[in-house]
Amino acid sequence: MKHLAALLLLQLGGNAHPSKAQIEAVIAAGGGEPEGDRINFLLKQLEGKDVDTLIKEGLTKISSVGVGGGSGGSAPAAAAATNSAKKEKKAPTKEKKKAFEEEKDGDMGFGFFD
């Protein structure tokens, strides 16, 4: 992904056909480590293609993918989980009360808002 991002940055800067060395320089300038084999693969895949056209084609493909919209069916399940959690609530046990008392004494005689 960093290789594609570097290529796109170079293109935004006005370089229509960035070279491997230029992509490596951008990645290195950002503190990353360029991977030559991945850059070669990227350049080979994009050879003779217009990146803007590829992005537009990708957007039309991804627009058909449904995202979200399915949350309406989960509300009854959430209500059921809340009801079961309420039923499981019990009074604090002696062990919990003792732990609370120990924490209360842990302020060493002064409090945050004293």
N, C-alpha and C. Protein backbone atom coordinates (compact mmCIF):
# COMPACT_ATOMS: atom_id res chain seq x y z
N MET A 1 0.81 -1.18 0.00
CA MET A 1 0.00 0.00 0.00
C MET A 1 0.87 1.26 0.00
N LYS A 2 1.98 1.22 0.73
CA LYS A 2 2.84 2.39 0.78
C LYS A 2 3.44 2.68 -0.59
N HIS A 3 3.64 1.65 -1.38
CA HIS A 3 4.22 1.85 -2.70
C HIS A 3 3.23 2.54 -3.63
N LEU A 4 1.97 2.13 -3.55
CA LEU A 4 0.93 2.77 -4.35
C LEU A 4 0.73 4.20 -3.88
N ALA A 5 0.75 4.42 -2.57
CA ALA A 5 0.60 5.78 -2.04
C ALA A 5 1.72 6.69 -2.53
N ALA A 6 2.94 6.17 -2.53
CA ALA A 6 4.08 6.96 -3.02
C ALA A 6 3.92 7.28 -4.50
N LEU A 7 3.48 6.31 -5.27
CA LEU A 7 3.26 6.53 -6.71
C LEU A 7 2.20 7.61 -6.92
N LEU A 8 1.12 7.53 -6.16
CA LEU A 8 0.05 8.52 -6.31
C LEU A 8 0.50 9.91 -5.87
N LEU A 9 1.31 9.98 -4.83
CA LEU A 9 1.85 11.28 -4.41
C LEU A 9 2.71 11.90 -5.50
N LEU A 10 3.53 11.07 -6.12
CA LEU A 10 4.37 11.57 -7.20
C LEU A 10 3.52 12.05 -8.38
N GLN A 11 2.45 11.31 -8.67
CA GLN A 11 1.58 11.73 -9.77
C GLN A 11 0.84 13.02 -9.43
N LEU A 12 0.43 13.15 -8.17
CA LEU A 12 -0.21 14.41 -7.77
C LEU A 12 0.75 15.59 -7.88
N GLY A 13 2.02 15.30 -7.70
CA GLY A 13 3.05 16.33 -7.83
C GLY A 13 3.40 16.68 -9.27
N GLY A 14 2.78 16.01 -10.21
CA GLY A 14 3.00 16.34 -11.62
C GLY A 14 3.84 15.33 -12.38
N ASN A 15 4.29 14.27 -11.75
CA ASN A 15 5.09 13.25 -12.42
C ASN A 15 4.15 12.14 -12.91
N ALA A 16 3.83 12.16 -14.18
CA ALA A 16 2.85 11.22 -14.73
C ALA A 16 3.32 9.77 -14.69
N HIS A 17 4.62 9.55 -14.82
CA HIS A 17 5.16 8.19 -14.85
C HIS A 17 6.37 8.08 -13.92
N PRO A 18 6.14 7.94 -12.61
CA PRO A 18 7.25 7.86 -11.66
C PRO A 18 8.08 6.60 -11.87
N SER A 19 9.36 6.72 -11.61
CA SER A 19 10.26 5.58 -11.73
C SER A 19 10.37 4.85 -10.39
N LYS A 20 10.98 3.68 -10.42
CA LYS A 20 11.20 2.89 -9.22
C LYS A 20 12.03 3.69 -8.21
N ALA A 21 13.07 4.34 -8.69
CA ALA A 21 13.95 5.11 -7.80
C ALA A 21 13.20 6.26 -7.13
N GLN A 22 12.31 6.90 -7.87
CA GLN A 22 11.54 8.00 -7.31
C GLN A 22 10.56 7.51 -6.24
N ILE A 23 9.93 6.37 -6.48
CA ILE A 23 9.01 5.78 -5.50
C ILE A 23 9.78 5.39 -4.24
N GLU A 24 10.95 4.79 -4.43
CA GLU A 24 11.79 4.41 -3.29
C GLU A 24 12.19 5.64 -2.48
N ALA A 25 12.49 6.75 -3.16
CA ALA A 25 12.91 7.97 -2.49
C ALA A 25 11.77 8.55 -1.64
N VAL A 26 10.55 8.51 -2.15
CA VAL A 26 9.41 9.02 -1.40
C VAL A 26 9.18 8.18 -0.15
N ILE A 27 9.22 6.87 -0.29
CA ILE A 27 9.01 5.98 0.85
C ILE A 27 10.10 6.18 1.90
N ALA A 28 11.34 6.27 1.45
CA ALA A 28 12.46 6.47 2.37
C ALA A 28 12.35 7.83 3.07
N ALA A 29 11.90 8.85 2.36
CA ALA A 29 11.75 10.18 2.95
C ALA A 29 10.69 10.17 4.05
N GLY A 30 9.71 9.28 3.93
CA GLY A 30 8.67 9.16 4.95
C GLY A 30 9.06 8.24 6.09
N GLY A 31 10.27 7.71 6.06
CA GLY A 31 10.73 6.84 7.13
C GLY A 31 10.42 5.38 6.92
N GLY A 32 9.93 5.01 5.74
CA GLY A 32 9.61 3.62 5.45
C GLY A 32 10.74 2.91 4.74
N GLU A 33 10.56 1.61 4.59
CA GLU A 33 11.54 0.81 3.85
C GLU A 33 10.92 0.35 2.54
N PRO A 34 11.43 0.85 1.42
CA PRO A 34 10.89 0.43 0.13
C PRO A 34 11.26 -1.02 -0.18
N GLU A 35 10.34 -1.72 -0.81
CA GLU A 35 10.57 -3.11 -1.22
C GLU A 35 10.59 -3.14 -2.74
N GLY A 36 11.78 -3.35 -3.28
CA GLY A 36 11.97 -3.28 -4.73
C GLY A 36 11.11 -4.23 -5.52
N ASP A 37 10.92 -5.47 -5.04
CA ASP A 37 10.11 -6.43 -5.79
C ASP A 37 8.65 -6.00 -5.85
N ARG A 38 8.15 -5.39 -4.79
CA ARG A 38 6.76 -4.92 -4.80
C ARG A 38 6.59 -3.71 -5.72
N ILE A 39 7.60 -2.86 -5.75
CA ILE A 39 7.54 -1.70 -6.64
C ILE A 39 7.57 -2.17 -8.08
N ASN A 40 8.43 -3.13 -8.38
CA ASN A 40 8.49 -3.68 -9.74
C ASN A 40 7.14 -4.28 -10.14
N PHE A 41 6.52 -5.02 -9.23
CA PHE A 41 5.22 -5.63 -9.50
C PHE A 41 4.17 -4.56 -9.75
N LEU A 42 4.17 -3.52 -8.92
CA LEU A 42 3.21 -2.43 -9.08
C LEU A 42 3.37 -1.74 -10.42
N LEU A 43 4.62 -1.42 -10.77
CA LEU A 43 4.86 -0.73 -12.04
C LEU A 43 4.49 -1.62 -13.22
N LYS A 44 4.73 -2.93 -13.11
CA LYS A 44 4.37 -3.85 -14.18
C LYS A 44 2.86 -3.92 -14.34
N GLN A 45 2.13 -3.94 -13.23
CA GLN A 45 0.67 -4.01 -13.29
C GLN A 45 0.05 -2.73 -13.84
N LEU A 46 0.70 -1.61 -13.61
CA LEU A 46 0.17 -0.33 -14.06
C LEU A 46 0.69 0.10 -15.42
N GLU A 47 1.58 -0.69 -16.00
CA GLU A 47 2.19 -0.35 -17.28
C GLU A 47 1.12 -0.18 -18.36
N GLY A 48 1.12 1.00 -19.00
CA GLY A 48 0.20 1.29 -20.09
C GLY A 48 -1.21 1.61 -19.62
N LYS A 49 -1.42 1.78 -18.33
CA LYS A 49 -2.76 2.07 -17.80
C LYS A 49 -2.77 3.45 -17.15
N ASP A 50 -3.93 4.07 -17.19
CA ASP A 50 -4.12 5.38 -16.57
C ASP A 50 -4.68 5.15 -15.16
N VAL A 51 -3.97 5.64 -14.16
CA VAL A 51 -4.36 5.41 -12.76
C VAL A 51 -5.71 6.07 -12.46
N ASP A 52 -5.97 7.25 -13.02
CA ASP A 52 -7.25 7.92 -12.79
C ASP A 52 -8.41 7.06 -13.29
N THR A 53 -8.24 6.46 -14.45
CA THR A 53 -9.27 5.59 -15.01
C THR A 53 -9.46 4.36 -14.13
N LEU A 54 -8.37 3.79 -13.64
CA LEU A 54 -8.47 2.62 -12.76
C LEU A 54 -9.21 2.96 -11.47
N ILE A 55 -8.96 4.13 -10.93
CA ILE A 55 -9.64 4.54 -9.71
C ILE A 55 -11.14 4.72 -9.97
N LYS A 56 -11.49 5.36 -11.09
CA LYS A 56 -12.91 5.55 -11.42
C LYS A 56 -13.61 4.21 -11.63
N GLU A 57 -12.94 3.27 -12.29
CA GLU A 57 -13.53 1.94 -12.49
C GLU A 57 -13.70 1.24 -11.15
N GLY A 58 -12.73 1.39 -10.27
CA GLY A 58 -12.81 0.76 -8.96
C GLY A 58 -13.94 1.34 -8.12
N LEU A 59 -14.17 2.64 -8.24
CA LEU A 59 -15.25 3.26 -7.49
C LEU A 59 -16.61 2.75 -7.94
N THR A 60 -16.78 2.54 -9.24
CA THR A 60 -18.06 2.01 -9.71
C THR A 60 -18.26 0.57 -9.23
N LYS A 61 -17.17 -0.19 -9.16
CA LYS A 61 -17.28 -1.57 -8.67
C LYS A 61 -17.60 -1.60 -7.18
N ILE A 62 -16.95 -0.75 -6.42
CA ILE A 62 -17.15 -0.78 -4.98
C ILE A 62 -18.51 -0.19 -4.58
N SER A 63 -19.09 0.64 -5.44
CA SER A 63 -20.39 1.22 -5.11
C SER A 63 -21.49 0.16 -5.06
N SER A 64 -21.26 -0.98 -5.70
CA SER A 64 -22.26 -2.04 -5.68
C SER A 64 -22.15 -2.91 -4.44
N VAL A 65 -21.11 -2.71 -3.65
CA VAL A 65 -20.92 -3.47 -2.42
C VAL A 65 -21.72 -2.82 -1.31
N GLY A 66 -22.57 -3.58 -0.68
CA GLY A 66 -23.38 -3.04 0.41
C GLY A 66 -22.57 -2.86 1.67
N VAL A 67 -22.66 -1.69 2.26
CA VAL A 67 -22.00 -1.43 3.52
C VAL A 67 -23.04 -0.89 4.49
N GLY A 68 -23.03 -1.40 5.68
CA GLY A 68 -23.98 -0.94 6.69
C GLY A 68 -25.39 -1.37 6.33
N GLY A 69 -26.35 -0.68 6.87
CA GLY A 69 -27.74 -0.95 6.55
C GLY A 69 -28.32 -2.16 7.25
N GLY A 70 -27.52 -3.04 7.75
CA GLY A 70 -28.03 -4.25 8.37
C GLY A 70 -28.17 -4.13 9.88
N SER A 71 -28.00 -2.95 10.42
CA SER A 71 -28.01 -2.82 11.87
C SER A 71 -29.39 -2.86 12.48
N GLY A 72 -30.44 -2.68 11.70
CA GLY A 72 -31.79 -2.69 12.24
C GLY A 72 -32.18 -4.01 12.87
N GLY A 73 -31.65 -5.10 12.37
CA GLY A 73 -32.02 -6.41 12.89
C GLY A 73 -31.35 -6.77 14.19
N SER A 74 -30.35 -6.03 14.62
CA SER A 74 -29.63 -6.40 15.83
C SER A 74 -30.20 -5.78 17.09
N ALA A 75 -31.15 -4.87 16.99
CA ALA A 75 -31.70 -4.22 18.17
C ALA A 75 -32.40 -5.20 19.11
N PRO A 76 -33.24 -6.12 18.64
CA PRO A 76 -33.86 -7.06 19.57
C PRO A 76 -32.83 -7.93 20.29
N ALA A 77 -31.79 -8.31 19.62
CA ALA A 77 -30.76 -9.12 20.26
C ALA A 77 -30.06 -8.33 21.36
N ALA A 78 -29.82 -7.05 21.11
CA ALA A 78 -29.19 -6.21 22.11
C ALA A 78 -30.09 -6.05 23.33
N ALA A 79 -31.41 -5.90 23.09
CA ALA A 79 -32.35 -5.78 24.20
C ALA A 79 -32.38 -7.05 25.02
N ALA A 80 -32.34 -8.19 24.37
CA ALA A 80 -32.33 -9.47 25.08
C ALA A 80 -31.07 -9.61 25.92
N ALA A 81 -29.95 -9.19 25.40
CA ALA A 81 -28.70 -9.26 26.15
C ALA A 81 -28.75 -8.35 27.37
N THR A 82 -29.36 -7.18 27.23
CA THR A 82 -29.49 -6.26 28.35
C THR A 82 -30.37 -6.85 29.43
N ASN A 83 -31.49 -7.47 29.02
CA ASN A 83 -32.40 -8.08 29.98
C ASN A 83 -31.73 -9.22 30.74
N SER A 84 -30.97 -10.05 30.04
CA SER A 84 -30.30 -11.16 30.71
C SER A 84 -29.21 -10.66 31.64
N ALA A 85 -28.55 -9.54 31.29
CA ALA A 85 -27.52 -8.97 32.15
C ALA A 85 -28.15 -8.43 33.44
N LYS A 86 -29.36 -7.85 33.33
CA LYS A 86 -30.05 -7.33 34.51
C LYS A 86 -30.41 -8.47 35.46
N LYS A 87 -30.82 -9.59 34.90
CA LYS A 87 -31.21 -10.73 35.73
C LYS A 87 -30.01 -11.29 36.48
N GLU A 88 -28.83 -11.22 35.87
CA GLU A 88 -27.63 -11.78 36.47
C GLU A 88 -27.04 -10.89 37.56
N LYS A 89 -27.47 -9.65 37.65
CA LYS A 89 -26.93 -8.73 38.64
C LYS A 89 -27.29 -9.22 40.03
N LYS A 90 -26.35 -9.26 40.93
CA LYS A 90 -26.57 -9.70 42.30
C LYS A 90 -25.98 -8.66 43.24
N ALA A 91 -26.36 -8.76 44.48
CA ALA A 91 -25.80 -7.87 45.49
C ALA A 91 -24.32 -8.19 45.67
N PRO A 92 -23.52 -7.20 46.03
CA PRO A 92 -22.10 -7.46 46.21
C PRO A 92 -21.86 -8.45 47.35
N THR A 93 -20.93 -9.31 47.16
CA THR A 93 -20.60 -10.30 48.18
C THR A 93 -19.68 -9.70 49.22
N LYS A 94 -19.45 -10.44 50.30
CA LYS A 94 -18.56 -9.94 51.36
C LYS A 94 -17.15 -9.72 50.82
N GLU A 95 -16.75 -10.60 49.89
CA GLU A 95 -15.41 -10.47 49.32
C GLU A 95 -15.25 -9.16 48.57
N LYS A 96 -16.27 -8.80 47.81
CA LYS A 96 -16.22 -7.54 47.07
C LYS A 96 -16.24 -6.36 48.01
N LYS A 97 -17.06 -6.46 49.09
CA LYS A 97 -17.12 -5.37 50.05
C LYS A 97 -15.77 -5.16 50.71
N LYS A 98 -15.10 -6.27 51.05
CA LYS A 98 -13.80 -6.18 51.69
C LYS A 98 -12.78 -5.51 50.76
N ALA A 99 -12.81 -5.88 49.47
CA ALA A 99 -11.90 -5.27 48.50
C ALA A 99 -12.16 -3.78 48.39
N PHE A 100 -13.44 -3.39 48.44
CA PHE A 100 -13.79 -1.98 48.36
C PHE A 100 -13.26 -1.24 49.57
N GLU A 101 -13.40 -1.83 50.75
CA GLU A 101 -12.90 -1.18 51.97
C GLU A 101 -11.39 -1.00 51.91
N GLU A 102 -10.68 -1.99 51.40
CA GLU A 102 -9.22 -1.87 51.28
C GLU A 102 -8.85 -0.75 50.34
N GLU A 103 -9.57 -0.60 49.24
CA GLU A 103 -9.29 0.48 48.31
C GLU A 103 -9.57 1.83 48.95
N LYS A 104 -10.63 1.90 49.75
CA LYS A 104 -11.01 3.13 50.39
C LYS A 104 -9.92 3.61 51.35
N ASP A 105 -9.27 2.69 52.03
CA ASP A 105 -8.22 3.04 52.97
C ASP A 105 -6.89 3.35 52.26
N GLY A 106 -6.80 3.09 51.00
CA GLY A 106 -5.55 3.25 50.28
C GLY A 106 -5.20 4.67 49.94
N ASP A 107 -6.03 5.66 50.36
CA ASP A 107 -5.71 7.04 49.98
C ASP A 107 -4.73 7.70 50.94
N MET A 108 -4.28 6.98 51.95
CA MET A 108 -3.24 7.42 52.89
C MET A 108 -3.60 8.72 53.60
N GLY A 109 -4.89 8.92 53.88
CA GLY A 109 -5.28 10.06 54.69
C GLY A 109 -5.61 11.31 53.92
N PHE A 110 -5.47 11.31 52.64
CA PHE A 110 -5.85 12.48 51.86
C PHE A 110 -6.54 12.02 50.57
N GLY A 111 -7.40 12.85 50.06
CA GLY A 111 -8.14 12.51 48.85
C GLY A 111 -7.81 13.47 47.73
N PHE A 112 -8.26 13.13 46.59
CA PHE A 112 -7.98 13.93 45.40
C PHE A 112 -8.61 15.32 45.51
N PHE A 113 -9.81 15.40 46.12
CA PHE A 113 -10.51 16.67 46.16
C PHE A 113 -10.47 17.33 47.54
N ASP A 114 -9.55 16.94 48.40
CA ASP A 114 -9.45 17.53 49.75
C ASP A 114 -8.87 18.91 49.68
